[in-house]
Amino acid sequence: MNLQEIDSVKITILVDNITDRLLPSTSIVKRPSMISNKRIAESPIAERGFSAMLEITYARGKSIKTNKFLFDTGASKDGIVHNSDVLGINLTDIETIILSDGTF
């Protein structure tokens, strides 16, 4: 079995136990804007648990393919749904959910 060489990986943290809106974006990390339509934007919520979306992009023949995976789902249904809305992520684009442990 040959492993597919990938071109890029993008990791988006959806749920973590801390959030800090005052941290600036950098060349490596993009944080959600505090302002949207001249108003204070809704903030992601922090909660116990963890969830991250992985976007893996690679060339397949002459086309570029992207797979989206959800690694863990956080501790509540509300946290991941709220934070995906704030971050502009469509959860229906996720192809596979990977659970790291039996807690759900």
PDB file of N, CA and C in Angstrom:
ATOM      1  N   MET A   1       0.837  -1.188   0.000  1.00  0.00           N
ATOM      2  CA  MET A   1       0.000   0.000   0.000  1.00  0.00           C
ATOM      3  C   MET A   1       0.879   1.247   0.000  1.00  0.00           C
ATOM      4  N   ASN A   2       0.642   2.150  -0.934  1.00  0.00           N
ATOM      5  CA  ASN A   2       1.368   3.410  -1.014  1.00  0.00           C
ATOM      6  C   ASN A   2       0.559   4.503  -0.342  1.00  0.00           C
ATOM      7  N   LEU A   3       1.228   5.320   0.437  1.00  0.00           N
ATOM      8  CA  LEU A   3       0.567   6.465   1.047  1.00  0.00           C
ATOM      9  C   LEU A   3       0.536   7.620   0.059  1.00  0.00           C
ATOM     10  N   GLN A   4      -0.577   8.342   0.022  1.00  0.00           N
ATOM     11  CA  GLN A   4      -0.739   9.496  -0.857  1.00  0.00           C
ATOM     12  C   GLN A   4       0.062  10.674  -0.304  1.00  0.00           C
ATOM     13  N   GLU A   5       0.886  11.273  -1.138  1.00  0.00           N
ATOM     14  CA  GLU A   5       1.612  12.470  -0.730  1.00  0.00           C
ATOM     15  C   GLU A   5       0.621  13.624  -0.668  1.00  0.00           C
ATOM     16  N   ILE A   6       0.696  14.424   0.394  1.00  0.00           N
ATOM     17  CA  ILE A   6      -0.224  15.551   0.532  1.00  0.00           C
ATOM     18  C   ILE A   6       0.494  16.858   0.244  1.00  0.00           C
ATOM     19  N   ASP A   7      -0.308  17.856  -0.161  1.00  0.00           N
ATOM     20  CA  ASP A   7       0.249  19.175  -0.464  1.00  0.00           C
ATOM     21  C   ASP A   7       0.116  20.134   0.709  1.00  0.00           C
ATOM     22  N   SER A   8      -0.988  20.016   1.454  1.00  0.00           N
ATOM     23  CA  SER A   8      -1.159  20.918   2.598  1.00  0.00           C
ATOM     24  C   SER A   8      -2.124  20.321   3.614  1.00  0.00           C
ATOM     25  N   VAL A   9      -1.971  20.780   4.848  1.00  0.00           N
ATOM     26  CA  VAL A   9      -2.876  20.419   5.934  1.00  0.00           C
ATOM     27  C   VAL A   9      -3.275  21.711   6.633  1.00  0.00           C
ATOM     28  N   LYS A  10      -4.556  21.892   6.824  1.00  0.00           N
ATOM     29  CA  LYS A  10      -5.069  23.042   7.556  1.00  0.00           C
ATOM     30  C   LYS A  10      -5.826  22.501   8.769  1.00  0.00           C
ATOM     31  N   ILE A  11      -5.484  22.984   9.948  1.00  0.00           N
ATOM     32  CA  ILE A  11      -6.127  22.547  11.181  1.00  0.00           C
ATOM     33  C   ILE A  11      -6.888  23.728  11.763  1.00  0.00           C
ATOM     34  N   THR A  12      -8.184  23.540  11.989  1.00  0.00           N
ATOM     35  CA  THR A  12      -9.021  24.565  12.607  1.00  0.00           C
ATOM     36  C   THR A  12      -9.508  24.026  13.941  1.00  0.00           C
ATOM     37  N   ILE A  13      -9.140  24.701  15.017  1.00  0.00           N
ATOM     38  CA  ILE A  13      -9.596  24.300  16.351  1.00  0.00           C
ATOM     39  C   ILE A  13     -11.025  24.806  16.513  1.00  0.00           C
ATOM     40  N   LEU A  14     -11.954  23.877  16.688  1.00  0.00           N
ATOM     41  CA  LEU A  14     -13.362  24.246  16.867  1.00  0.00           C
ATOM     42  C   LEU A  14     -13.734  24.402  18.333  1.00  0.00           C
ATOM     43  N   VAL A  15     -13.223  23.524  19.175  1.00  0.00           N
ATOM     44  CA  VAL A  15     -13.524  23.583  20.610  1.00  0.00           C
ATOM     45  C   VAL A  15     -12.245  23.324  21.381  1.00  0.00           C
ATOM     46  N   ASP A  16     -12.013  24.158  22.376  1.00  0.00           N
ATOM     47  CA  ASP A  16     -10.900  23.980  23.296  1.00  0.00           C
ATOM     48  C   ASP A  16     -11.336  24.563  24.625  1.00  0.00           C
ATOM     49  N   ASN A  17     -10.561  24.342  25.661  1.00  0.00           N
ATOM     50  CA  ASN A  17     -10.991  24.816  26.969  1.00  0.00           C
ATOM     51  C   ASN A  17     -10.610  26.258  27.259  1.00  0.00           C
ATOM     52  N   ILE A  18     -10.092  26.952  26.258  1.00  0.00           N
ATOM     53  CA  ILE A  18      -9.775  28.366  26.427  1.00  0.00           C
ATOM     54  C   ILE A  18      -9.957  29.088  25.088  1.00  0.00           C
ATOM     55  N   THR A  19     -10.368  30.324  25.160  1.00  0.00           N
ATOM     56  CA  THR A  19     -10.399  31.176  23.980  1.00  0.00           C
ATOM     57  C   THR A  19      -9.955  32.568  24.410  1.00  0.00           C
ATOM     58  N   ASP A  20      -9.183  33.234  23.591  1.00  0.00           N
ATOM     59  CA  ASP A  20      -8.686  34.568  23.901  1.00  0.00           C
ATOM     60  C   ASP A  20      -8.824  35.429  22.658  1.00  0.00           C
ATOM     61  N   ARG A  21      -9.830  36.265  22.634  1.00  0.00           N
ATOM     62  CA  ARG A  21     -10.108  37.093  21.450  1.00  0.00           C
ATOM     63  C   ARG A  21      -9.094  38.195  21.244  1.00  0.00           C
ATOM     64  N   LEU A  22      -8.276  38.461  22.225  1.00  0.00           N
ATOM     65  CA  LEU A  22      -7.310  39.547  22.092  1.00  0.00           C
ATOM     66  C   LEU A  22      -6.007  39.113  21.423  1.00  0.00           C
ATOM     67  N   LEU A  23      -5.823  37.817  21.238  1.00  0.00           N
ATOM     68  CA  LEU A  23      -4.621  37.362  20.544  1.00  0.00           C
ATOM     69  C   LEU A  23      -4.713  37.734  19.066  1.00  0.00           C
ATOM     70  N   PRO A  24      -3.658  38.288  18.506  1.00  0.00           N
ATOM     71  CA  PRO A  24      -3.699  38.684  17.089  1.00  0.00           C
ATOM     72  C   PRO A  24      -3.461  37.497  16.157  1.00  0.00           C
ATOM     73  N   SER A  25      -3.890  37.642  14.922  1.00  0.00           N
ATOM     74  CA  SER A  25      -3.553  36.675  13.889  1.00  0.00           C
ATOM     75  C   SER A  25      -2.076  36.825  13.550  1.00  0.00           C
ATOM     76  N   THR A  26      -1.491  35.752  13.037  1.00  0.00           N
ATOM     77  CA  THR A  26      -0.095  35.788  12.595  1.00  0.00           C
ATOM     78  C   THR A  26      -0.033  35.211  11.186  1.00  0.00           C
ATOM     79  N   SER A  27       1.164  35.078  10.656  1.00  0.00           N
ATOM     80  CA  SER A  27       1.294  34.490   9.319  1.00  0.00           C
ATOM     81  C   SER A  27       0.932  33.002   9.332  1.00  0.00           C
ATOM     82  N   ILE A  28       0.971  32.375  10.489  1.00  0.00           N
ATOM     83  CA  ILE A  28       0.664  30.949  10.608  1.00  0.00           C
ATOM     84  C   ILE A  28      -0.740  30.709  11.155  1.00  0.00           C
ATOM     85  N   VAL A  29      -1.176  31.545  12.077  1.00  0.00           N
ATOM     86  CA  VAL A  29      -2.459  31.361  12.767  1.00  0.00           C
ATOM     87  C   VAL A  29      -3.423  32.478  12.376  1.00  0.00           C
ATOM     88  N   LYS A  30      -4.597  32.086  11.893  1.00  0.00           N
ATOM     89  CA  LYS A  30      -5.638  33.061  11.566  1.00  0.00           C
ATOM     90  C   LYS A  30      -6.737  32.963  12.632  1.00  0.00           C
ATOM     91  N   ARG A  31      -6.998  34.053  13.296  1.00  0.00           N
ATOM     92  CA  ARG A  31      -8.018  34.080  14.346  1.00  0.00           C
ATOM     93  C   ARG A  31      -9.250  34.814  13.825  1.00  0.00           C
ATOM     94  N   PRO A  32     -10.427  34.482  14.361  1.00  0.00           N
ATOM     95  CA  PRO A  32     -11.641  35.159  13.897  1.00  0.00           C
ATOM     96  C   PRO A  32     -11.610  36.641  14.251  1.00  0.00           C
ATOM     97  N   SER A  33     -12.162  37.447  13.379  1.00  0.00           N
ATOM     98  CA  SER A  33     -12.194  38.891  13.580  1.00  0.00           C
ATOM     99  C   SER A  33     -13.111  39.245  14.748  1.00  0.00           C
ATOM    100  N   MET A  34     -12.756  40.294  15.461  1.00  0.00           N
ATOM    101  CA  MET A  34     -13.613  40.770  16.559  1.00  0.00           C
ATOM    102  C   MET A  34     -14.716  41.679  16.049  1.00  0.00           C
ATOM    103  N   ILE A  35     -14.568  42.161  14.801  1.00  0.00           N
ATOM    104  CA  ILE A  35     -15.544  43.083  14.229  1.00  0.00           C
ATOM    105  C   ILE A  35     -16.137  42.462  12.970  1.00  0.00           C
ATOM    106  N   SER A  36     -17.466  42.535  12.846  1.00  0.00           N
ATOM    107  CA  SER A  36     -18.158  42.054  11.660  1.00  0.00           C
ATOM    108  C   SER A  36     -19.308  43.013  11.362  1.00  0.00           C
ATOM    109  N   ASN A  37     -19.336  43.545  10.150  1.00  0.00           N
ATOM    110  CA  ASN A  37     -20.376  44.508   9.759  1.00  0.00           C
ATOM    111  C   ASN A  37     -20.473  45.671  10.740  1.00  0.00           C
ATOM    112  N   LYS A  38     -19.321  46.201  11.121  1.00  0.00           N
ATOM    113  CA  LYS A  38     -19.203  47.352  12.023  1.00  0.00           C
ATOM    114  C   LYS A  38     -19.808  47.094  13.407  1.00  0.00           C
ATOM    115  N   ARG A  39     -19.902  45.833  13.790  1.00  0.00           N
ATOM    116  CA  ARG A  39     -20.397  45.442  15.113  1.00  0.00           C
ATOM    117  C   ARG A  39     -19.418  44.447  15.722  1.00  0.00           C
ATOM    118  N   ILE A  40     -19.492  44.299  17.028  1.00  0.00           N
ATOM    119  CA  ILE A  40     -18.667  43.290  17.683  1.00  0.00           C
ATOM    120  C   ILE A  40     -19.178  41.915  17.269  1.00  0.00           C
ATOM    121  N   ALA A  41     -18.289  41.112  16.720  1.00  0.00           N
ATOM    122  CA  ALA A  41     -18.658  39.787  16.225  1.00  0.00           C
ATOM    123  C   ALA A  41     -18.884  38.831  17.382  1.00  0.00           C
ATOM    124  N   GLU A  42     -19.713  37.832  17.118  1.00  0.00           N
ATOM    125  CA  GLU A  42     -19.948  36.804  18.118  1.00  0.00           C
ATOM    126  C   GLU A  42     -18.650  36.052  18.369  1.00  0.00           C
ATOM    127  N   SER A  43     -18.454  35.675  19.606  1.00  0.00           N
ATOM    128  CA  SER A  43     -17.216  35.026  20.008  1.00  0.00           C
ATOM    129  C   SER A  43     -17.370  33.515  20.055  1.00  0.00           C
ATOM    130  N   PRO A  44     -16.313  32.778  19.677  1.00  0.00           N
ATOM    131  CA  PRO A  44     -16.345  31.337  19.917  1.00  0.00           C
ATOM    132  C   PRO A  44     -16.406  31.087  21.423  1.00  0.00           C
ATOM    133  N   ILE A  45     -17.007  29.977  21.819  1.00  0.00           N
ATOM    134  CA  ILE A  45     -17.073  29.652  23.237  1.00  0.00           C
ATOM    135  C   ILE A  45     -16.026  28.601  23.570  1.00  0.00           C
ATOM    136  N   ALA A  46     -15.538  28.660  24.789  1.00  0.00           N
ATOM    137  CA  ALA A  46     -14.607  27.657  25.296  1.00  0.00           C
ATOM    138  C   ALA A  46     -15.387  26.706  26.192  1.00  0.00           C
ATOM    139  N   GLU A  47     -14.994  25.451  26.169  1.00  0.00           N
ATOM    140  CA  GLU A  47     -15.612  24.472  27.054  1.00  0.00           C
ATOM    141  C   GLU A  47     -14.647  23.308  27.249  1.00  0.00           C
ATOM    142  N   ARG A  48     -14.925  22.517  28.251  1.00  0.00           N
ATOM    143  CA  ARG A  48     -14.134  21.309  28.476  1.00  0.00           C
ATOM    144  C   ARG A  48     -14.269  20.426  27.231  1.00  0.00           C
ATOM    145  N   GLY A  49     -13.186  19.877  26.800  1.00  0.00           N
ATOM    146  CA  GLY A  49     -13.211  19.033  25.613  1.00  0.00           C
ATOM    147  C   GLY A  49     -12.387  19.645  24.495  1.00  0.00           C
ATOM    148  N   PHE A  50     -12.371  18.952  23.369  1.00  0.00           N
ATOM    149  CA  PHE A  50     -11.549  19.374  22.239  1.00  0.00           C
ATOM    150  C   PHE A  50     -12.204  18.928  20.945  1.00  0.00           C
ATOM    151  N   SER A  51     -12.051  19.728  19.902  1.00  0.00           N
ATOM    152  CA  SER A  51     -12.498  19.358  18.567  1.00  0.00           C
ATOM    153  C   SER A  51     -11.692  20.159  17.556  1.00  0.00           C
ATOM    154  N   ALA A  52     -11.264  19.488  16.493  1.00  0.00           N
ATOM    155  CA  ALA A  52     -10.512  20.161  15.436  1.00  0.00           C
ATOM    156  C   ALA A  52     -10.937  19.600  14.088  1.00  0.00           C
ATOM    157  N   MET A  53     -11.008  20.477  13.086  1.00  0.00           N
ATOM    158  CA  MET A  53     -11.261  20.047  11.725  1.00  0.00           C
ATOM    159  C   MET A  53      -9.937  20.039  10.978  1.00  0.00           C
ATOM    160  N   LEU A  54      -9.672  18.940  10.284  1.00  0.00           N
ATOM    161  CA  LEU A  54      -8.457  18.805   9.482  1.00  0.00           C
ATOM    162  C   LEU A  54      -8.855  18.816   8.021  1.00  0.00           C
ATOM    163  N   GLU A  55      -8.232  19.684   7.246  1.00  0.00           N
ATOM    164  CA  GLU A  55      -8.436  19.738   5.794  1.00  0.00           C
ATOM    165  C   GLU A  55      -7.131  19.323   5.137  1.00  0.00           C
ATOM    166  N   ILE A  56      -7.167  18.204   4.440  1.00  0.00           N
ATOM    167  CA  ILE A  56      -5.977  17.660   3.805  1.00  0.00           C
ATOM    168  C   ILE A  56      -6.147  17.783   2.295  1.00  0.00           C
ATOM    169  N   THR A  57      -5.209  18.476   1.651  1.00  0.00           N
ATOM    170  CA  THR A  57      -5.287  18.742   0.216  1.00  0.00           C
ATOM    171  C   THR A  57      -4.136  18.032  -0.491  1.00  0.00           C
ATOM    172  N   TYR A  58      -4.477  17.403  -1.632  1.00  0.00           N
ATOM    173  CA  TYR A  58      -3.470  16.676  -2.403  1.00  0.00           C
ATOM    174  C   TYR A  58      -3.892  16.636  -3.866  1.00  0.00           C
ATOM    175  N   ALA A  59      -2.907  16.378  -4.726  1.00  0.00           N
ATOM    176  CA  ALA A  59      -3.179  16.265  -6.159  1.00  0.00           C
ATOM    177  C   ALA A  59      -3.578  14.827  -6.457  1.00  0.00           C
ATOM    178  N   ARG A  60      -4.634  14.697  -7.235  1.00  0.00           N
ATOM    179  CA  ARG A  60      -5.057  13.377  -7.719  1.00  0.00           C
ATOM    180  C   ARG A  60      -5.182  13.507  -9.230  1.00  0.00           C
ATOM    181  N   GLY A  61      -4.214  12.946  -9.918  1.00  0.00           N
ATOM    182  CA  GLY A  61      -4.186  13.136 -11.360  1.00  0.00           C
ATOM    183  C   GLY A  61      -3.947  14.605 -11.663  1.00  0.00           C
ATOM    184  N   LYS A  62      -4.834  15.189 -12.454  1.00  0.00           N
ATOM    185  CA  LYS A  62      -4.711  16.608 -12.806  1.00  0.00           C
ATOM    186  C   LYS A  62      -5.591  17.500 -11.939  1.00  0.00           C
ATOM    187  N   SER A  63      -6.281  16.933 -10.955  1.00  0.00           N
ATOM    188  CA  SER A  63      -7.157  17.738 -10.109  1.00  0.00           C
ATOM    189  C   SER A  63      -6.630  17.792  -8.674  1.00  0.00           C
ATOM    190  N   ILE A  64      -7.115  18.762  -7.940  1.00  0.00           N
ATOM    191  CA  ILE A  64      -6.767  18.938  -6.539  1.00  0.00           C
ATOM    192  C   ILE A  64      -7.940  18.439  -5.702  1.00  0.00           C
ATOM    193  N   LYS A  65      -7.660  17.596  -4.732  1.00  0.00           N
ATOM    194  CA  LYS A  65      -8.693  17.000  -3.887  1.00  0.00           C
ATOM    195  C   LYS A  65      -8.477  17.450  -2.451  1.00  0.00           C
ATOM    196  N   THR A  66      -9.567  17.753  -1.737  1.00  0.00           N
ATOM    197  CA  THR A  66      -9.506  18.110  -0.329  1.00  0.00           C
ATOM    198  C   THR A  66     -10.449  17.207   0.449  1.00  0.00           C
ATOM    199  N   ASN A  67      -9.925  16.605   1.506  1.00  0.00           N
ATOM    200  CA  ASN A  67     -10.729  15.815   2.427  1.00  0.00           C
ATOM    201  C   ASN A  67     -10.817  16.552   3.748  1.00  0.00           C
ATOM    202  N   LYS A  68     -12.010  16.516   4.359  1.00  0.00           N
ATOM    203  CA  LYS A  68     -12.211  17.184   5.647  1.00  0.00           C
ATOM    204  C   LYS A  68     -12.613  16.152   6.689  1.00  0.00           C
ATOM    205  N   PHE A  69     -11.873  16.174   7.801  1.00  0.00           N
ATOM    206  CA  PHE A  69     -12.096  15.248   8.897  1.00  0.00           C
ATOM    207  C   PHE A  69     -12.344  16.036  10.172  1.00  0.00           C
ATOM    208  N   LEU A  70     -13.211  15.533  11.017  1.00  0.00           N
ATOM    209  CA  LEU A  70     -13.442  16.129  12.332  1.00  0.00           C
ATOM    210  C   LEU A  70     -12.788  15.228  13.361  1.00  0.00           C
ATOM    211  N   PHE A  71     -11.838  15.767  14.105  1.00  0.00           N
ATOM    212  CA  PHE A  71     -11.160  15.018  15.156  1.00  0.00           C
ATOM    213  C   PHE A  71     -11.778  15.412  16.484  1.00  0.00           C
ATOM    214  N   ASP A  72     -12.528  14.510  17.064  1.00  0.00           N
ATOM    215  CA  ASP A  72     -13.269  14.701  18.306  1.00  0.00           C
ATOM    216  C   ASP A  72     -14.368  15.753  18.133  1.00  0.00           C
ATOM    217  N   THR A  73     -15.270  15.791  19.079  1.00  0.00           N
ATOM    218  CA  THR A  73     -16.465  16.632  18.925  1.00  0.00           C
ATOM    219  C   THR A  73     -16.727  17.563  20.100  1.00  0.00           C
ATOM    220  N   GLY A  74     -15.770  17.701  21.010  1.00  0.00           N
ATOM    221  CA  GLY A  74     -15.997  18.545  22.168  1.00  0.00           C
ATOM    222  C   GLY A  74     -16.880  17.838  23.181  1.00  0.00           C
ATOM    223  N   ALA A  75     -17.324  18.585  24.178  1.00  0.00           N
ATOM    224  CA  ALA A  75     -18.094  17.984  25.267  1.00  0.00           C
ATOM    225  C   ALA A  75     -19.598  18.166  25.097  1.00  0.00           C
ATOM    226  N   SER A  76     -20.017  19.112  24.291  1.00  0.00           N
ATOM    227  CA  SER A  76     -21.457  19.346  24.132  1.00  0.00           C
ATOM    228  C   SER A  76     -21.783  19.573  22.665  1.00  0.00           C
ATOM    229  N   LYS A  77     -23.013  19.320  22.295  1.00  0.00           N
ATOM    230  CA  LYS A  77     -23.417  19.567  20.905  1.00  0.00           C
ATOM    231  C   LYS A  77     -23.454  21.060  20.599  1.00  0.00           C
ATOM    232  N   ASP A  78     -23.750  21.874  21.597  1.00  0.00           N
ATOM    233  CA  ASP A  78     -23.858  23.317  21.371  1.00  0.00           C
ATOM    234  C   ASP A  78     -22.520  23.976  21.065  1.00  0.00           C
ATOM    235  N   GLY A  79     -21.448  23.525  21.704  1.00  0.00           N
ATOM    236  CA  GLY A  79     -20.135  24.147  21.510  1.00  0.00           C
ATOM    237  C   GLY A  79     -19.655  24.040  20.077  1.00  0.00           C
ATOM    238  N   ILE A  80     -19.681  22.850  19.523  1.00  0.00           N
ATOM    239  CA  ILE A  80     -19.178  22.652  18.158  1.00  0.00           C
ATOM    240  C   ILE A  80     -20.076  23.331  17.130  1.00  0.00           C
ATOM    241  N   VAL A  81     -21.385  23.291  17.343  1.00  0.00           N
ATOM    242  CA  VAL A  81     -22.306  23.929  16.392  1.00  0.00           C
ATOM    243  C   VAL A  81     -22.136  25.450  16.440  1.00  0.00           C
ATOM    244  N   HIS A  82     -22.093  26.014  17.632  1.00  0.00           N
ATOM    245  CA  HIS A  82     -21.923  27.469  17.772  1.00  0.00           C
ATOM    246  C   HIS A  82     -20.595  27.923  17.167  1.00  0.00           C
ATOM    247  N   ASN A  83     -19.502  27.245  17.538  1.00  0.00           N
ATOM    248  CA  ASN A  83     -18.183  27.670  17.070  1.00  0.00           C
ATOM    249  C   ASN A  83     -18.011  27.476  15.569  1.00  0.00           C
ATOM    250  N   SER A  84     -18.603  26.437  14.997  1.00  0.00           N
ATOM    251  CA  SER A  84     -18.510  26.278  13.539  1.00  0.00           C
ATOM    252  C   SER A  84     -19.261  27.403  12.837  1.00  0.00           C
ATOM    253  N   ASP A  85     -20.379  27.847  13.398  1.00  0.00           N
ATOM    254  CA  ASP A  85     -21.094  28.999  12.826  1.00  0.00           C
ATOM    255  C   ASP A  85     -20.239  30.262  12.906  1.00  0.00           C
ATOM    256  N   VAL A  86     -19.631  30.518  14.060  1.00  0.00           N
ATOM    257  CA  VAL A  86     -18.788  31.704  14.245  1.00  0.00           C
ATOM    258  C   VAL A  86     -17.605  31.688  13.279  1.00  0.00           C
ATOM    259  N   LEU A  87     -17.034  30.511  13.059  1.00  0.00           N
ATOM    260  CA  LEU A  87     -15.851  30.401  12.201  1.00  0.00           C
ATOM    261  C   LEU A  87     -16.195  30.198  10.725  1.00  0.00           C
ATOM    262  N   GLY A  88     -17.486  30.120  10.403  1.00  0.00           N
ATOM    263  CA  GLY A  88     -17.906  29.968   9.016  1.00  0.00           C
ATOM    264  C   GLY A  88     -17.627  28.589   8.443  1.00  0.00           C
ATOM    265  N   ILE A  89     -17.720  27.565   9.262  1.00  0.00           N
ATOM    266  CA  ILE A  89     -17.458  26.196   8.820  1.00  0.00           C
ATOM    267  C   ILE A  89     -18.778  25.452   8.674  1.00  0.00           C
ATOM    268  N   ASN A  90     -18.949  24.842   7.520  1.00  0.00           N
ATOM    269  CA  ASN A  90     -20.145  24.051   7.247  1.00  0.00           C
ATOM    270  C   ASN A  90     -19.861  22.610   7.673  1.00  0.00           C
ATOM    271  N   LEU A  91     -20.512  22.158   8.734  1.00  0.00           N
ATOM    272  CA  LEU A  91     -20.250  20.818   9.253  1.00  0.00           C
ATOM    273  C   LEU A  91     -20.653  19.714   8.278  1.00  0.00           C
ATOM    274  N   THR A  92     -21.518  20.021   7.322  1.00  0.00           N
ATOM    275  CA  THR A  92     -21.914  18.987   6.354  1.00  0.00           C
ATOM    276  C   THR A  92     -20.795  18.683   5.352  1.00  0.00           C
ATOM    277  N   ASP A  93     -19.751  19.510   5.311  1.00  0.00           N
ATOM    278  CA  ASP A  93     -18.602  19.251   4.438  1.00  0.00           C
ATOM    279  C   ASP A  93     -17.666  18.179   4.997  1.00  0.00           C
ATOM    280  N   ILE A  94     -17.847  17.826   6.266  1.00  0.00           N
ATOM    281  CA  ILE A  94     -16.961  16.863   6.921  1.00  0.00           C
ATOM    282  C   ILE A  94     -17.306  15.458   6.448  1.00  0.00           C
ATOM    283  N   GLU A  95     -16.270  14.729   6.029  1.00  0.00           N
ATOM    284  CA  GLU A  95     -16.456  13.381   5.491  1.00  0.00           C
ATOM    285  C   GLU A  95     -16.382  12.295   6.561  1.00  0.00           C
ATOM    286  N   THR A  96     -15.522  12.493   7.561  1.00  0.00           N
ATOM    287  CA  THR A  96     -15.280  11.469   8.568  1.00  0.00           C
ATOM    288  C   THR A  96     -15.097  12.119   9.925  1.00  0.00           C
ATOM    289  N   ILE A  97     -15.624  11.461  10.963  1.00  0.00           N
ATOM    290  CA  ILE A  97     -15.412  11.903  12.334  1.00  0.00           C
ATOM    291  C   ILE A  97     -14.529  10.874  13.019  1.00  0.00           C
ATOM    292  N   ILE A  98     -13.455  11.359  13.622  1.00  0.00           N
ATOM    293  CA  ILE A  98     -12.495  10.500  14.323  1.00  0.00           C
ATOM    294  C   ILE A  98     -12.647  10.771  15.813  1.00  0.00           C
ATOM    295  N   LEU A  99     -12.993   9.758  16.581  1.00  0.00           N
ATOM    296  CA  LEU A  99     -13.115   9.892  18.037  1.00  0.00           C
ATOM    297  C   LEU A  99     -11.880   9.298  18.691  1.00  0.00           C
ATOM    298  N   SER A 100     -11.200  10.079  19.531  1.00  0.00           N
ATOM    299  CA  SER A 100      -9.949   9.622  20.125  1.00  0.00           C
ATOM    300  C   SER A 100     -10.164   8.781  21.373  1.00  0.00           C
ATOM    301  N   ASP A 101     -11.350   8.846  21.945  1.00  0.00           N
ATOM    302  CA  ASP A 101     -11.622   8.022  23.123  1.00  0.00           C
ATOM    303  C   ASP A 101     -13.117   7.691  23.172  1.00  0.00           C
ATOM    304  N   GLY A 102     -13.524   6.970  24.174  1.00  0.00           N
ATOM    305  CA  GLY A 102     -14.903   6.510  24.259  1.00  0.00           C
ATOM    306  C   GLY A 102     -15.836   7.473  24.941  1.00  0.00           C
ATOM    307  N   THR A 103     -15.401   8.697  25.224  1.00  0.00           N
ATOM    308  CA  THR A 103     -16.261   9.667  25.893  1.00  0.00           C
ATOM    309  C   THR A 103     -17.111  10.403  24.865  1.00  0.00           C
ATOM    310  N   PHE A 104     -18.420  10.223  24.935  1.00  0.00           N
ATOM    311  CA  PHE A 104     -19.327  10.972  24.076  1.00  0.00           C
ATOM    312  C   PHE A 104     -20.705  10.957  24.656  1.00  0.00           C
TER     313      PHE A 104
END
